[in-house]
Amino acid sequence: MKRIAVDMDGVLADCFEQFARYDYADTGMRKTREDGAGKMDDELFEKARTYVYQPGFFRDMPVIADSQEVLYKLNEKFEVFIVSAATEFPQSLPEKQAWLSEHFPFIQWQQIVFCGFKTIIQADIMIDDHFKNLNYFKGKTILYTQPHNELADAGKHTRVHNWTEIEQLLLTPQLQVGQEAPVDFSPAISKYA
């Protein structure tokens, strides 16, 4: 069975929206995804580093549309692991675990990997929104579009814009893979890539 490593923040949890909410509460000005195009969170949101240390920041993030349904289907066909670089912010560990238990109850505790650098992750496929994690991964890579990466060339990574595209990419019958078959992304590459 193929193994998939799925990032949490920016792929399952909408951290951009969470930053925008916190920033709006502070400034009264609502920043949009368009405002964030090509910018890292700490470039766009002046207090980003403060927000991530506030209790509840990771616990109350919105769920990215369609991620629950599609991840449930992936979990039936693949060996899925949720991978999060969570150790930098100590309160994020219990908050992320509680968030996953609430929104993705079908993911067992054994399928959750909280780490520092994701270079230690070994799987067949990685879905992430950061090049720093995908560039060093040895398997197939899927770049999940977020404002900070949307202007960048996807390079060797397959770019997706939503979970419907992930579903088409990994669960379309002609793309389903057996234990020996390689994953071929070419027939389902996003029209936006």
N, C-alpha and C. Protein backbone atom coordinates (compact mmCIF):
# COMPACT_ATOMS: atom_id res chain seq x y z
N MET A 1 0.84 -1.18 0.00
CA MET A 1 0.00 0.00 0.00
C MET A 1 0.89 1.24 0.00
N LYS A 2 0.56 2.17 -0.88
CA LYS A 2 1.33 3.41 -0.97
C LYS A 2 1.08 4.29 0.25
N ARG A 3 2.11 5.02 0.65
CA ARG A 3 2.06 5.88 1.83
C ARG A 3 2.04 7.34 1.38
N ILE A 4 1.10 8.12 1.97
CA ILE A 4 0.97 9.54 1.66
C ILE A 4 1.21 10.34 2.93
N ALA A 5 2.10 11.34 2.84
CA ALA A 5 2.34 12.28 3.93
C ALA A 5 1.60 13.57 3.59
N VAL A 6 0.68 13.96 4.45
CA VAL A 6 -0.16 15.14 4.21
C VAL A 6 0.16 16.20 5.26
N ASP A 7 0.55 17.38 4.79
CA ASP A 7 0.82 18.51 5.68
C ASP A 7 -0.49 18.97 6.31
N MET A 8 -0.39 19.59 7.47
CA MET A 8 -1.57 20.05 8.18
C MET A 8 -1.87 21.53 7.88
N ASP A 9 -1.00 22.44 8.32
CA ASP A 9 -1.25 23.88 8.12
C ASP A 9 -1.06 24.25 6.66
N GLY A 10 -2.10 24.81 6.08
CA GLY A 10 -2.03 25.21 4.68
C GLY A 10 -2.52 24.16 3.72
N VAL A 11 -2.79 22.95 4.20
CA VAL A 11 -3.31 21.88 3.35
C VAL A 11 -4.63 21.36 3.92
N LEU A 12 -4.68 21.12 5.21
CA LEU A 12 -5.92 20.72 5.88
C LEU A 12 -6.52 21.90 6.65
N ALA A 13 -5.67 22.62 7.35
CA ALA A 13 -6.09 23.76 8.17
C ALA A 13 -5.76 25.05 7.43
N ASP A 14 -6.74 25.96 7.37
CA ASP A 14 -6.57 27.19 6.62
C ASP A 14 -5.87 28.24 7.49
N CYS A 15 -4.54 28.15 7.53
CA CYS A 15 -3.79 29.07 8.38
C CYS A 15 -3.81 30.48 7.82
N PHE A 16 -3.91 30.66 6.50
CA PHE A 16 -3.99 32.02 5.97
C PHE A 16 -5.24 32.71 6.51
N GLU A 17 -6.36 32.02 6.47
CA GLU A 17 -7.60 32.60 6.98
C GLU A 17 -7.49 32.90 8.48
N GLN A 18 -6.81 32.03 9.20
CA GLN A 18 -6.64 32.27 10.64
C GLN A 18 -5.81 33.53 10.89
N PHE A 19 -4.71 33.69 10.15
CA PHE A 19 -3.91 34.91 10.27
C PHE A 19 -4.75 36.13 9.91
N ALA A 20 -5.54 36.02 8.85
CA ALA A 20 -6.37 37.15 8.41
C ALA A 20 -7.38 37.53 9.49
N ARG A 21 -7.96 36.54 10.16
CA ARG A 21 -8.93 36.82 11.23
C ARG A 21 -8.26 37.53 12.40
N TYR A 22 -7.13 37.01 12.84
CA TYR A 22 -6.41 37.62 13.96
C TYR A 22 -5.97 39.04 13.61
N ASP A 23 -5.46 39.21 12.40
CA ASP A 23 -4.99 40.52 11.95
C ASP A 23 -6.16 41.51 11.88
N TYR A 24 -7.30 41.06 11.39
CA TYR A 24 -8.49 41.92 11.31
C TYR A 24 -8.93 42.38 12.71
N ALA A 25 -8.88 41.45 13.67
CA ALA A 25 -9.24 41.80 15.05
C ALA A 25 -8.32 42.88 15.60
N ASP A 26 -7.04 42.87 15.18
CA ASP A 26 -6.07 43.86 15.65
C ASP A 26 -6.15 45.19 14.90
N THR A 27 -6.34 45.11 13.59
CA THR A 27 -6.20 46.31 12.76
C THR A 27 -7.52 46.86 12.23
N GLY A 28 -8.55 46.02 12.17
CA GLY A 28 -9.81 46.44 11.57
C GLY A 28 -9.78 46.42 10.06
N MET A 29 -8.67 45.98 9.49
CA MET A 29 -8.54 45.89 8.03
C MET A 29 -8.43 44.43 7.63
N ARG A 30 -9.23 44.03 6.66
CA ARG A 30 -9.27 42.63 6.22
C ARG A 30 -8.33 42.43 5.04
N LYS A 31 -7.30 41.62 5.23
CA LYS A 31 -6.38 41.29 4.15
C LYS A 31 -6.92 40.08 3.40
N THR A 32 -6.75 40.09 2.09
CA THR A 32 -7.28 39.03 1.23
C THR A 32 -6.17 38.11 0.75
N ARG A 33 -6.57 37.01 0.15
CA ARG A 33 -5.61 36.09 -0.44
C ARG A 33 -4.81 36.79 -1.55
N GLU A 34 -5.47 37.69 -2.25
CA GLU A 34 -4.78 38.45 -3.30
C GLU A 34 -3.69 39.33 -2.69
N ASP A 35 -3.97 39.91 -1.54
CA ASP A 35 -2.96 40.72 -0.84
C ASP A 35 -1.73 39.89 -0.48
N GLY A 36 -1.95 38.61 -0.22
CA GLY A 36 -0.87 37.74 0.22
C GLY A 36 -0.10 37.07 -0.90
N ALA A 37 -0.48 37.31 -2.16
CA ALA A 37 0.18 36.64 -3.28
C ALA A 37 1.69 36.85 -3.26
N GLY A 38 2.40 35.75 -3.15
CA GLY A 38 3.86 35.79 -3.18
C GLY A 38 4.52 36.22 -1.88
N LYS A 39 3.72 36.42 -0.82
CA LYS A 39 4.29 36.88 0.45
C LYS A 39 4.14 35.80 1.52
N MET A 40 5.16 35.65 2.34
CA MET A 40 5.07 34.76 3.49
C MET A 40 4.17 35.42 4.52
N ASP A 41 3.60 34.60 5.40
CA ASP A 41 2.65 35.12 6.40
C ASP A 41 3.24 36.24 7.23
N ASP A 42 4.51 36.11 7.63
CA ASP A 42 5.10 37.14 8.48
C ASP A 42 5.43 38.42 7.71
N GLU A 43 5.40 38.38 6.38
CA GLU A 43 5.55 39.59 5.57
C GLU A 43 4.23 40.35 5.49
N LEU A 44 3.14 39.61 5.40
CA LEU A 44 1.82 40.22 5.22
C LEU A 44 1.18 40.62 6.54
N PHE A 45 1.36 39.77 7.54
CA PHE A 45 0.73 40.02 8.84
C PHE A 45 1.81 40.41 9.85
N GLU A 46 1.81 41.67 10.24
CA GLU A 46 2.86 42.23 11.09
C GLU A 46 3.05 41.45 12.39
N LYS A 47 1.95 40.95 12.97
CA LYS A 47 2.03 40.25 14.26
C LYS A 47 1.95 38.73 14.11
N ALA A 48 2.30 38.21 12.97
CA ALA A 48 2.19 36.76 12.72
C ALA A 48 2.89 35.94 13.80
N ARG A 49 4.10 36.34 14.17
CA ARG A 49 4.84 35.59 15.19
C ARG A 49 4.16 35.66 16.55
N THR A 50 3.49 36.74 16.84
CA THR A 50 2.74 36.86 18.09
C THR A 50 1.53 35.93 18.07
N TYR A 51 0.82 35.91 16.95
CA TYR A 51 -0.40 35.10 16.84
C TYR A 51 -0.13 33.62 17.10
N VAL A 52 0.96 33.09 16.54
CA VAL A 52 1.21 31.65 16.65
C VAL A 52 1.54 31.21 18.08
N TYR A 53 1.84 32.17 18.94
CA TYR A 53 2.08 31.85 20.35
C TYR A 53 0.85 32.04 21.22
N GLN A 54 -0.23 32.53 20.63
CA GLN A 54 -1.45 32.75 21.40
C GLN A 54 -2.24 31.45 21.55
N PRO A 55 -2.70 31.14 22.75
CA PRO A 55 -3.53 29.95 22.94
C PRO A 55 -4.75 30.00 22.04
N GLY A 56 -5.04 28.89 21.39
CA GLY A 56 -6.20 28.78 20.52
C GLY A 56 -5.91 29.01 19.05
N PHE A 57 -4.75 29.59 18.73
CA PHE A 57 -4.47 29.88 17.32
C PHE A 57 -4.56 28.62 16.46
N PHE A 58 -3.92 27.56 16.88
CA PHE A 58 -3.93 26.32 16.09
C PHE A 58 -5.21 25.52 16.31
N ARG A 59 -5.81 25.67 17.45
CA ARG A 59 -7.01 24.89 17.79
C ARG A 59 -8.23 25.31 17.00
N ASP A 60 -8.31 26.61 16.66
CA ASP A 60 -9.52 27.15 16.04
C ASP A 60 -9.39 27.43 14.55
N MET A 61 -8.39 26.89 13.90
CA MET A 61 -8.25 27.15 12.46
C MET A 61 -9.42 26.57 11.68
N PRO A 62 -9.84 27.28 10.63
CA PRO A 62 -10.88 26.72 9.77
C PRO A 62 -10.35 25.52 8.98
N VAL A 63 -11.24 24.63 8.62
CA VAL A 63 -10.89 23.46 7.81
C VAL A 63 -10.95 23.87 6.34
N ILE A 64 -9.97 23.46 5.56
CA ILE A 64 -9.97 23.75 4.12
C ILE A 64 -11.06 22.92 3.44
N ALA A 65 -11.79 23.57 2.56
CA ALA A 65 -12.94 22.97 1.87
C ALA A 65 -12.58 21.63 1.24
N ASP A 66 -13.46 20.66 1.42
CA ASP A 66 -13.40 19.32 0.83
C ASP A 66 -12.28 18.43 1.37
N SER A 67 -11.45 18.95 2.26
CA SER A 67 -10.33 18.14 2.75
C SER A 67 -10.82 16.94 3.56
N GLN A 68 -11.87 17.11 4.35
CA GLN A 68 -12.35 16.01 5.18
C GLN A 68 -12.85 14.84 4.33
N GLU A 69 -13.66 15.14 3.34
CA GLU A 69 -14.24 14.09 2.50
C GLU A 69 -13.17 13.37 1.67
N VAL A 70 -12.28 14.15 1.06
CA VAL A 70 -11.27 13.54 0.19
C VAL A 70 -10.24 12.79 1.02
N LEU A 71 -9.82 13.34 2.15
CA LEU A 71 -8.85 12.63 2.98
C LEU A 71 -9.44 11.32 3.50
N TYR A 72 -10.72 11.32 3.81
CA TYR A 72 -11.39 10.09 4.23
C TYR A 72 -11.26 9.02 3.14
N LYS A 73 -11.50 9.40 1.89
CA LYS A 73 -11.38 8.46 0.77
C LYS A 73 -9.93 8.00 0.58
N LEU A 74 -9.00 8.94 0.68
CA LEU A 74 -7.58 8.58 0.56
C LEU A 74 -7.18 7.60 1.65
N ASN A 75 -7.69 7.82 2.85
CA ASN A 75 -7.36 6.97 3.99
C ASN A 75 -7.84 5.53 3.79
N GLU A 76 -8.84 5.34 2.97
CA GLU A 76 -9.33 4.00 2.67
C GLU A 76 -8.46 3.28 1.64
N LYS A 77 -7.75 4.04 0.80
CA LYS A 77 -6.98 3.46 -0.30
C LYS A 77 -5.47 3.49 -0.09
N PHE A 78 -5.01 4.39 0.78
CA PHE A 78 -3.59 4.59 1.01
C PHE A 78 -3.28 4.53 2.51
N GLU A 79 -2.01 4.44 2.81
CA GLU A 79 -1.56 4.57 4.19
C GLU A 79 -1.26 6.06 4.40
N VAL A 80 -2.16 6.77 5.07
CA VAL A 80 -2.08 8.21 5.21
C VAL A 80 -1.46 8.58 6.56
N PHE A 81 -0.55 9.56 6.51
CA PHE A 81 0.03 10.13 7.72
C PHE A 81 -0.11 11.65 7.64
N ILE A 82 -0.57 12.24 8.72
CA ILE A 82 -0.62 13.70 8.82
C ILE A 82 0.72 14.12 9.42
N VAL A 83 1.41 15.00 8.73
CA VAL A 83 2.75 15.41 9.12
C VAL A 83 2.75 16.92 9.35
N SER A 84 3.18 17.34 10.55
CA SER A 84 3.19 18.76 10.86
C SER A 84 4.46 19.12 11.61
N ALA A 85 5.11 20.18 11.13
CA ALA A 85 6.28 20.71 11.82
C ALA A 85 5.77 21.53 13.00
N ALA A 86 5.40 20.83 14.06
CA ALA A 86 4.66 21.44 15.17
C ALA A 86 5.51 21.75 16.39
N THR A 87 6.73 21.33 16.41
CA THR A 87 7.50 21.42 17.66
C THR A 87 8.04 22.80 17.96
N GLU A 88 8.00 23.73 17.01
CA GLU A 88 8.50 25.08 17.26
C GLU A 88 7.61 25.83 18.25
N PHE A 89 6.32 25.56 18.21
CA PHE A 89 5.37 26.27 19.06
C PHE A 89 4.74 25.27 20.01
N PRO A 90 5.20 25.20 21.26
CA PRO A 90 4.80 24.15 22.20
C PRO A 90 3.30 23.97 22.36
N GLN A 91 2.52 25.06 22.40
CA GLN A 91 1.09 24.91 22.57
C GLN A 91 0.43 24.32 21.33
N SER A 92 1.13 24.32 20.20
CA SER A 92 0.53 23.80 18.97
C SER A 92 0.35 22.29 19.02
N LEU A 93 1.18 21.59 19.79
CA LEU A 93 1.08 20.13 19.83
C LEU A 93 -0.29 19.66 20.32
N PRO A 94 -0.73 20.03 21.53
CA PRO A 94 -2.05 19.57 21.97
C PRO A 94 -3.18 20.20 21.16
N GLU A 95 -2.99 21.44 20.70
CA GLU A 95 -4.04 22.09 19.91
C GLU A 95 -4.23 21.40 18.57
N LYS A 96 -3.13 21.06 17.92
CA LYS A 96 -3.24 20.38 16.63
C LYS A 96 -3.83 18.98 16.80
N GLN A 97 -3.43 18.29 17.83
CA GLN A 97 -3.98 16.96 18.07
C GLN A 97 -5.49 17.04 18.33
N ALA A 98 -5.93 18.00 19.12
CA ALA A 98 -7.36 18.18 19.39
C ALA A 98 -8.10 18.58 18.11
N TRP A 99 -7.50 19.43 17.30
CA TRP A 99 -8.10 19.87 16.04
C TRP A 99 -8.29 18.68 15.10
N LEU A 100 -7.26 17.86 14.98
CA LEU A 100 -7.37 16.67 14.12
C LEU A 100 -8.43 15.71 14.65
N SER A 101 -8.49 15.50 15.95
CA SER A 101 -9.49 14.60 16.54
C SER A 101 -10.90 15.10 16.25
N GLU A 102 -11.09 16.41 16.29
CA GLU A 102 -12.42 16.97 16.04
C GLU A 102 -12.80 16.90 14.56
N HIS A 103 -11.91 17.31 13.68
CA HIS A 103 -12.26 17.46 12.27
C HIS A 103 -11.93 16.24 11.41
N PHE A 104 -11.02 15.40 11.85
CA PHE A 104 -10.63 14.21 11.09
C PHE A 104 -10.61 13.00 12.03
N PRO A 105 -11.76 12.64 12.60
CA PRO A 105 -11.79 11.58 13.62
C PRO A 105 -11.38 10.20 13.09
N PHE A 106 -11.38 10.02 11.79
CA PHE A 106 -10.97 8.75 11.19
C PHE A 106 -9.45 8.59 11.15
N ILE A 107 -8.71 9.65 11.42
CA ILE A 107 -7.25 9.58 11.50
C ILE A 107 -6.88 9.15 12.92
N GLN A 108 -6.21 8.03 13.03
CA GLN A 108 -5.81 7.48 14.33
C GLN A 108 -4.54 8.18 14.83
N TRP A 109 -4.32 8.11 16.12
CA TRP A 109 -3.14 8.77 16.70
C TRP A 109 -1.85 8.26 16.09
N GLN A 110 -1.83 6.98 15.65
CA GLN A 110 -0.63 6.41 15.05
C GLN A 110 -0.32 7.01 13.68
N GLN A 111 -1.27 7.73 13.10
CA GLN A 111 -1.11 8.33 11.78
C GLN A 111 -0.70 9.80 11.86
N ILE A 112 -0.38 10.29 13.04
CA ILE A 112 -0.02 11.69 13.23
C ILE A 112 1.46 11.78 13.58
N VAL A 113 2.18 12.60 12.81
CA VAL A 113 3.62 12.79 13.03
C VAL A 113 3.87 14.28 13.26
N PHE A 114 4.23 14.63 14.49
CA PHE A 114 4.64 15.99 14.80
C PHE A 114 6.16 15.99 14.86
N CYS A 115 6.77 16.90 14.12
CA CYS A 115 8.23 16.88 14.01
C CYS A 115 8.76 18.30 13.88
N GLY A 116 10.06 18.39 13.67
CA GLY A 116 10.71 19.65 13.35
C GLY A 116 10.87 19.72 11.84
N PHE A 117 12.02 19.29 11.33
CA PHE A 117 12.24 19.24 9.88
C PHE A 117 11.53 18.03 9.29
N LYS A 118 10.88 18.24 8.16
CA LYS A 118 10.17 17.15 7.50
C LYS A 118 11.08 16.31 6.61
N THR A 119 12.36 16.62 6.60
CA THR A 119 13.30 15.84 5.79
C THR A 119 13.39 14.40 6.27
N ILE A 120 12.93 14.12 7.48
CA ILE A 120 12.96 12.75 8.00
C ILE A 120 11.81 11.89 7.47
N ILE A 121 10.83 12.50 6.83
CA ILE A 121 9.63 11.78 6.39
C ILE A 121 9.93 10.94 5.16
N GLN A 122 9.54 9.68 5.25
CA GLN A 122 9.68 8.76 4.12
C GLN A 122 8.30 8.24 3.75
N ALA A 123 7.90 8.51 2.52
CA ALA A 123 6.61 8.07 2.01
C ALA A 123 6.72 8.02 0.50
N ASP A 124 5.64 7.66 -0.15
CA ASP A 124 5.64 7.61 -1.61
C ASP A 124 5.20 8.95 -2.21
N ILE A 125 4.31 9.65 -1.50
CA ILE A 125 3.75 10.92 -1.97
C ILE A 125 3.71 11.89 -0.79
N MET A 126 4.06 13.16 -1.06
CA MET A 126 3.90 14.20 -0.03
C MET A 126 3.05 15.32 -0.61
N ILE A 127 2.07 15.77 0.18
CA ILE A 127 1.24 16.93 -0.17
C ILE A 127 1.58 18.02 0.84
N ASP A 128 2.08 19.16 0.34
CA ASP A 128 2.53 20.23 1.23
C ASP A 128 2.42 21.56 0.49
N ASP A 129 2.41 22.66 1.22
CA ASP A 129 2.35 23.97 0.60
C ASP A 129 3.69 24.70 0.63
N HIS A 130 4.73 24.05 1.14
CA HIS A 130 6.05 24.69 1.24
C HIS A 130 7.10 23.93 0.43
N PHE A 131 7.80 24.69 -0.40
CA PHE A 131 8.90 24.11 -1.18
C PHE A 131 9.97 23.53 -0.27
N LYS A 132 10.21 24.16 0.89
CA LYS A 132 11.27 23.69 1.80
C LYS A 132 11.02 22.26 2.25
N ASN A 133 9.79 21.81 2.22
CA ASN A 133 9.48 20.43 2.58
C ASN A 133 9.46 19.52 1.36
N LEU A 134 8.95 20.02 0.25
CA LEU A 134 8.83 19.20 -0.95
C LEU A 134 10.15 19.00 -1.68
N ASN A 135 11.00 20.01 -1.69
CA ASN A 135 12.24 19.93 -2.48
C ASN A 135 13.17 18.80 -2.05
N TYR A 136 13.11 18.41 -0.79
CA TYR A 136 14.02 17.38 -0.29
C TYR A 136 13.36 16.01 -0.18
N PHE A 137 12.09 15.95 -0.53
CA PHE A 137 11.35 14.70 -0.43
C PHE A 137 11.71 13.80 -1.60
N LYS A 138 11.91 12.52 -1.34
CA LYS A 138 12.38 11.59 -2.36
C LYS A 138 11.27 11.03 -3.25
N GLY A 139 10.02 11.07 -2.81
CA GLY A 139 8.92 10.52 -3.60
C GLY A 139 8.27 11.56 -4.49
N LYS A 140 7.05 11.27 -4.91
CA LYS A 140 6.25 12.20 -5.71
C LYS A 140 5.77 13.35 -4.83
N THR A 141 5.73 14.55 -5.39
CA THR A 141 5.38 15.72 -4.60
C THR A 141 4.21 16.48 -5.20
N ILE A 142 3.31 16.90 -4.32
CA ILE A 142 2.15 17.69 -4.72
C ILE A 142 2.20 19.00 -3.94
N LEU A 143 2.25 20.11 -4.68
CA LEU A 143 2.30 21.44 -4.09
C LEU A 143 0.88 21.98 -3.98
N TYR A 144 0.43 22.19 -2.75
CA TYR A 144 -0.89 22.74 -2.51
C TYR A 144 -0.80 24.26 -2.55
N THR A 145 -1.55 24.88 -3.45
CA THR A 145 -1.47 26.32 -3.63
C THR A 145 -1.99 27.08 -2.42
N GLN A 146 -1.16 27.98 -1.95
CA GLN A 146 -1.50 28.95 -0.92
C GLN A 146 -0.96 30.29 -1.41
N PRO A 147 -1.45 31.41 -0.87
CA PRO A 147 -0.97 32.71 -1.36
C PRO A 147 0.55 32.84 -1.40
N HIS A 148 1.24 32.34 -0.39
CA HIS A 148 2.70 32.50 -0.35
C HIS A 148 3.43 31.80 -1.48
N ASN A 149 2.81 30.77 -2.09
CA ASN A 149 3.52 30.04 -3.16
C ASN A 149 2.88 30.19 -4.53
N GLU A 150 1.77 30.90 -4.63
CA GLU A 150 1.01 30.91 -5.88
C GLU A 150 1.72 31.59 -7.05
N LEU A 151 2.64 32.47 -6.79
CA LEU A 151 3.36 33.13 -7.88
C LEU A 151 4.61 32.37 -8.30
N ALA A 152 5.00 31.39 -7.52
CA ALA A 152 6.22 30.63 -7.80
C ALA A 152 5.96 29.53 -8.83
N ASP A 153 6.97 29.25 -9.61
CA ASP A 153 6.92 28.13 -10.55
C ASP A 153 6.91 26.84 -9.73
N ALA A 154 6.00 25.94 -10.02
CA ALA A 154 5.90 24.69 -9.26
C ALA A 154 7.11 23.79 -9.47
N GLY A 155 7.87 24.04 -10.52
CA GLY A 155 9.06 23.22 -10.76
C GLY A 155 8.71 21.77 -10.97
N LYS A 156 9.38 20.89 -10.25
CA LYS A 156 9.18 19.45 -10.40
C LYS A 156 7.94 18.94 -9.67
N HIS A 157 7.28 19.82 -8.94
CA HIS A 157 6.13 19.43 -8.14
C HIS A 157 4.84 19.59 -8.94
N THR A 158 3.86 18.75 -8.67
CA THR A 158 2.55 18.87 -9.29
C THR A 158 1.73 19.83 -8.44
N ARG A 159 1.26 20.92 -9.05
CA ARG A 159 0.50 21.93 -8.32
C ARG A 159 -0.98 21.58 -8.34
N VAL A 160 -1.61 21.71 -7.16
CA VAL A 160 -3.06 21.58 -7.04
C VAL A 160 -3.59 22.82 -6.33
N HIS A 161 -4.83 23.17 -6.63
CA HIS A 161 -5.44 24.37 -6.06
C HIS A 161 -6.51 24.06 -5.02
N ASN A 162 -6.90 22.80 -4.94
CA ASN A 162 -7.97 22.44 -4.00
C ASN A 162 -7.99 20.92 -3.83
N TRP A 163 -8.84 20.46 -2.93
CA TRP A 163 -8.91 19.04 -2.63
C TRP A 163 -9.63 18.25 -3.72
N THR A 164 -10.46 18.90 -4.52
CA THR A 164 -11.08 18.22 -5.64
C THR A 164 -10.01 17.79 -6.64
N GLU A 165 -9.02 18.64 -6.85
CA GLU A 165 -7.91 18.27 -7.75
C GLU A 165 -7.09 17.12 -7.17
N ILE A 166 -6.91 17.11 -5.86
CA ILE A 166 -6.19 15.99 -5.23
C ILE A 166 -6.98 14.70 -5.44
N GLU A 167 -8.28 14.78 -5.27
CA GLU A 167 -9.13 13.60 -5.47
C GLU A 167 -9.00 13.09 -6.90
N GLN A 168 -9.06 13.99 -7.88
CA GLN A 168 -8.91 13.59 -9.28
C GLN A 168 -7.53 13.00 -9.54
N LEU A 169 -6.54 13.58 -8.94
CA LEU A 169 -5.16 13.15 -9.16
C LEU A 169 -4.87 11.76 -8.57
N LEU A 170 -5.36 11.52 -7.37
CA LEU A 170 -4.99 10.29 -6.67
C LEU A 170 -6.07 9.21 -6.64
N LEU A 171 -7.30 9.57 -6.92
CA LEU A 171 -8.38 8.58 -6.81
C LEU A 171 -9.10 8.29 -8.12
N THR A 172 -8.68 8.93 -9.21
CA THR A 172 -9.25 8.63 -10.51
C THR A 172 -8.87 7.20 -10.87
N PRO A 173 -9.84 6.39 -11.32
CA PRO A 173 -9.56 4.96 -11.56
C PRO A 173 -8.32 4.67 -12.39
N GLN A 174 -8.07 5.40 -13.46
CA GLN A 174 -6.89 5.09 -14.28
C GLN A 174 -5.58 5.44 -13.59
N LEU A 175 -5.65 6.20 -12.48
CA LEU A 175 -4.43 6.56 -11.77
C LEU A 175 -4.19 5.74 -10.51
N GLN A 176 -5.18 4.95 -10.10
CA GLN A 176 -5.00 4.18 -8.88
C GLN A 176 -3.82 3.23 -9.07
N VAL A 177 -3.05 3.12 -8.04
CA VAL A 177 -1.80 2.39 -8.15
C VAL A 177 -1.78 1.17 -7.25
N GLY A 178 -1.17 0.13 -7.77
CA GLY A 178 -0.95 -1.07 -6.96
C GLY A 178 0.37 -0.93 -6.25
N GLN A 179 0.77 -1.97 -5.56
CA GLN A 179 2.01 -1.90 -4.79
C GLN A 179 3.24 -1.71 -5.67
N GLU A 180 3.21 -2.24 -6.88
CA GLU A 180 4.40 -2.16 -7.73
C GLU A 180 4.32 -1.02 -8.74
N ALA A 181 3.13 -0.50 -9.02
CA ALA A 181 2.98 0.51 -10.06
C ALA A 181 3.42 1.88 -9.56
N PRO A 182 4.15 2.62 -10.41
CA PRO A 182 4.51 3.98 -10.02
C PRO A 182 3.30 4.90 -10.14
N VAL A 183 3.33 5.99 -9.44
CA VAL A 183 2.26 6.98 -9.55
C VAL A 183 2.57 7.87 -10.74
N ASP A 184 1.66 7.92 -11.70
CA ASP A 184 1.84 8.75 -12.88
C ASP A 184 0.89 9.93 -12.79
N PHE A 185 1.44 11.13 -12.58
CA PHE A 185 0.60 12.32 -12.43
C PHE A 185 0.26 12.95 -13.77
N SER A 186 0.95 12.61 -14.84
CA SER A 186 0.82 13.36 -16.08
C SER A 186 -0.60 13.46 -16.63
N PRO A 187 -1.47 12.45 -16.58
CA PRO A 187 -2.79 12.62 -17.16
C PRO A 187 -3.69 13.56 -16.35
N ALA A 188 -3.36 13.83 -15.11
CA ALA A 188 -4.26 14.60 -14.27
C ALA A 188 -3.65 15.90 -13.77
N ILE A 189 -2.60 16.36 -14.39
CA ILE A 189 -1.98 17.59 -13.91
C ILE A 189 -2.97 18.73 -14.06
N SER A 190 -3.03 19.55 -13.08
CA SER A 190 -3.96 20.68 -13.06
C SER A 190 -3.79 21.55 -14.29
N LYS A 191 -4.91 22.04 -14.81
CA LYS A 191 -4.84 22.96 -15.95
C LYS A 191 -4.18 24.28 -15.56
N TYR A 192 -4.05 24.52 -14.25
CA TYR A 192 -3.45 25.77 -13.78
C TYR A 192 -1.96 25.65 -13.54
N ALA A 193 -1.42 24.45 -13.62
CA ALA A 193 -0.01 24.23 -13.28
C ALA A 193 0.91 24.94 -14.24
